[in-house]
Amino acid sequence: MSLVTKIVFILTLGFASSQIGNRRPLHLPAELNAQFDAIAHECIKKTNNTERVWTLFKKHTFEDSDEYKRFIYCGLTTSQFYAENGVPVLEKLFELFKDDDVRQVFNNCRASLVITTPVETASSYFKCYIENSPVYMALT
């Protein structure tokens, strides 16, 4: 990794940390945390990625790269929070996210979603959530 790439990565993580600081954490049960971790590592392998994409996800950061978008699509469809066409399954998300303000973000992002390819659809919805959510999943 070049020095410039390292600097950009560090700045991105710093920005993500500052964004998380403005949001309240959503703490998940240990078994759900373990499931997300297993799915993430399965998707890292399936999408030929590195641990970096999982780190970005846990930092509540969106990266506009094909690698990251494929990882997001894999993880969210494998967990069944999104359908195979990349569209979020709101009923499933609402099982995890109970707060009205978060549900409103999900509804608003769904209402503005432009359906294209499954990967692009899933990643654009996830990006909307990242940009507007008052919470972040406190994943370990």
Protein backbone atom coordinates (compact mmCIF):
# COMPACT_ATOMS: atom_id res chain seq x y z
CA MET A 1 0.00 0.00 0.00
CA SER A 2 1.46 3.35 -1.02
CA LEU A 3 1.93 6.20 1.42
CA VAL A 4 -0.82 8.21 -0.28
CA THR A 5 -3.23 5.27 -0.03
CA LYS A 6 -2.40 4.85 3.66
CA ILE A 7 -3.00 8.53 4.33
CA VAL A 8 -6.34 8.48 2.48
CA PHE A 9 -7.37 5.36 4.39
CA ILE A 10 -6.45 6.93 7.75
CA LEU A 11 -8.33 10.14 6.89
CA THR A 12 -11.35 8.10 5.80
CA LEU A 13 -11.35 6.19 9.09
CA GLY A 14 -10.98 9.44 11.00
CA PHE A 15 -13.95 10.92 9.15
CA ALA A 16 -15.96 7.76 9.79
CA SER A 17 -15.15 7.89 13.48
CA SER A 18 -16.28 11.48 13.65
CA GLN A 19 -19.53 10.52 11.91
CA ILE A 20 -20.14 7.72 14.38
CA GLY A 21 -19.55 10.18 17.22
CA ASN A 22 -22.71 12.02 16.18
CA ARG A 23 -24.83 8.86 16.24
CA ARG A 24 -26.02 6.59 18.99
CA PRO A 25 -24.80 2.98 19.02
CA LEU A 26 -27.04 -0.01 18.46
CA HIS A 27 -25.61 -2.87 20.51
CA LEU A 28 -26.46 -6.29 19.14
CA PRO A 29 -26.74 -9.59 21.00
CA ALA A 30 -23.52 -11.63 20.97
CA GLU A 31 -25.00 -14.34 18.71
CA LEU A 32 -26.07 -11.76 16.11
CA ASN A 33 -22.66 -10.12 16.26
CA ALA A 34 -21.09 -13.56 15.65
CA GLN A 35 -23.45 -14.18 12.70
CA PHE A 36 -22.53 -10.85 11.10
CA ASP A 37 -18.84 -11.60 11.58
CA ALA A 38 -19.20 -15.04 9.96
CA ILE A 39 -21.17 -13.61 7.03
CA ALA A 40 -18.61 -10.83 6.59
CA HIS A 41 -15.71 -13.28 6.41
CA GLU A 42 -17.64 -15.51 4.01
CA CYS A 43 -18.30 -12.48 1.79
CA ILE A 44 -14.68 -11.33 1.98
CA LYS A 45 -13.74 -14.68 0.42
CA LYS A 46 -16.63 -14.74 -2.09
CA THR A 47 -15.86 -11.24 -3.35
CA ASN A 48 -12.06 -11.58 -3.35
CA ASN A 49 -11.73 -8.80 -0.83
CA THR A 50 -9.64 -8.14 2.25
CA GLU A 51 -10.53 -7.44 5.87
CA ARG A 52 -10.48 -3.73 4.96
CA VAL A 53 -14.06 -3.82 3.64
CA TRP A 54 -15.31 -5.30 6.91
CA THR A 55 -13.43 -2.62 8.83
CA LEU A 56 -15.09 0.08 6.71
CA PHE A 57 -18.51 -1.46 7.33
CA LYS A 58 -17.94 -1.60 11.09
CA LYS A 59 -16.83 2.05 11.02
CA HIS A 60 -20.16 3.00 9.43
CA THR A 61 -18.35 4.15 6.29
CA PHE A 62 -19.38 3.95 2.66
CA GLU A 63 -16.73 3.57 -0.03
CA ASP A 64 -17.70 4.06 -3.65
CA SER A 65 -15.66 1.17 -5.07
CA ASP A 66 -16.76 -1.98 -6.87
CA GLU A 67 -15.03 -4.12 -4.24
CA TYR A 68 -16.90 -2.52 -1.38
CA LYS A 69 -20.24 -2.55 -3.21
CA ARG A 70 -19.90 -6.28 -3.95
CA PHE A 71 -19.08 -6.91 -0.29
CA ILE A 72 -22.12 -4.89 0.85
CA TYR A 73 -24.38 -6.74 -1.58
CA CYS A 74 -23.04 -10.13 -0.49
CA GLY A 75 -23.33 -9.41 3.22
CA LEU A 76 -26.76 -7.87 3.14
CA THR A 77 -28.30 -10.49 0.85
CA THR A 78 -26.64 -13.38 2.72
CA SER A 79 -28.05 -12.02 5.98
CA GLN A 80 -31.42 -11.74 4.20
CA PHE A 81 -31.82 -8.06 5.07
CA TYR A 82 -31.85 -7.39 1.32
CA ALA A 83 -33.47 -9.44 -1.44
CA GLU A 84 -31.39 -10.90 -4.28
CA ASN A 85 -32.39 -7.95 -6.49
CA GLY A 86 -30.67 -5.60 -4.03
CA VAL A 87 -33.85 -4.14 -2.58
CA PRO A 88 -33.99 -3.95 1.22
CA VAL A 89 -36.49 -6.14 3.05
CA LEU A 90 -37.92 -3.50 5.37
CA GLU A 91 -39.82 -5.98 7.54
CA LYS A 92 -36.57 -7.79 8.31
CA LEU A 93 -34.71 -4.53 9.00
CA PHE A 94 -37.52 -3.40 11.28
CA GLU A 95 -37.01 -6.56 13.38
CA LEU A 96 -33.51 -5.31 14.19
CA PHE A 97 -34.10 -1.55 14.21
CA LYS A 98 -37.01 -0.67 16.51
CA ASP A 99 -36.63 3.12 16.83
CA ASP A 100 -39.04 5.26 14.84
CA ASP A 101 -36.35 7.69 13.66
CA VAL A 102 -34.30 4.84 12.19
CA ARG A 103 -37.36 3.28 10.56
CA GLN A 104 -38.15 6.66 9.01
CA VAL A 105 -34.66 6.73 7.46
CA PHE A 106 -35.26 3.25 6.03
CA ASN A 107 -38.60 4.33 4.59
CA ASN A 108 -37.17 7.55 3.14
CA CYS A 109 -34.23 5.72 1.56
CA ARG A 110 -36.60 3.10 0.13
CA ALA A 111 -38.88 5.78 -1.32
CA SER A 112 -35.96 7.43 -3.13
CA LEU A 113 -34.30 4.18 -4.26
CA VAL A 114 -33.52 3.86 -7.95
CA ILE A 115 -33.47 0.19 -8.90
CA THR A 116 -30.66 -0.72 -11.30
CA THR A 117 -28.36 -3.71 -10.98
CA PRO A 118 -28.65 -5.70 -7.74
CA VAL A 119 -25.20 -4.60 -6.52
CA GLU A 120 -25.80 -0.92 -7.33
CA THR A 121 -29.30 -0.99 -5.87
CA ALA A 122 -28.10 -2.52 -2.58
CA SER A 123 -25.11 -0.22 -2.26
CA SER A 124 -27.06 2.96 -3.04
CA TYR A 125 -29.64 2.07 -0.37
CA PHE A 126 -26.89 1.28 2.12
CA LYS A 127 -25.19 4.59 1.29
CA CYS A 128 -28.45 6.45 1.94
CA TYR A 129 -28.77 4.69 5.29
CA ILE A 130 -25.15 5.51 6.23
CA GLU A 131 -25.62 9.18 5.36
CA ASN A 132 -28.91 9.60 7.23
CA SER A 133 -29.10 7.12 10.08
CA PRO A 134 -29.11 8.40 13.66
CA VAL A 135 -27.59 5.07 14.81
CA TYR A 136 -24.73 2.78 13.93
CA MET A 137 -24.39 -0.93 14.61
CA ALA A 138 -21.75 -1.32 17.31
CA LEU A 139 -20.15 -4.42 15.79
CA THR A 140 -17.10 -6.03 17.35
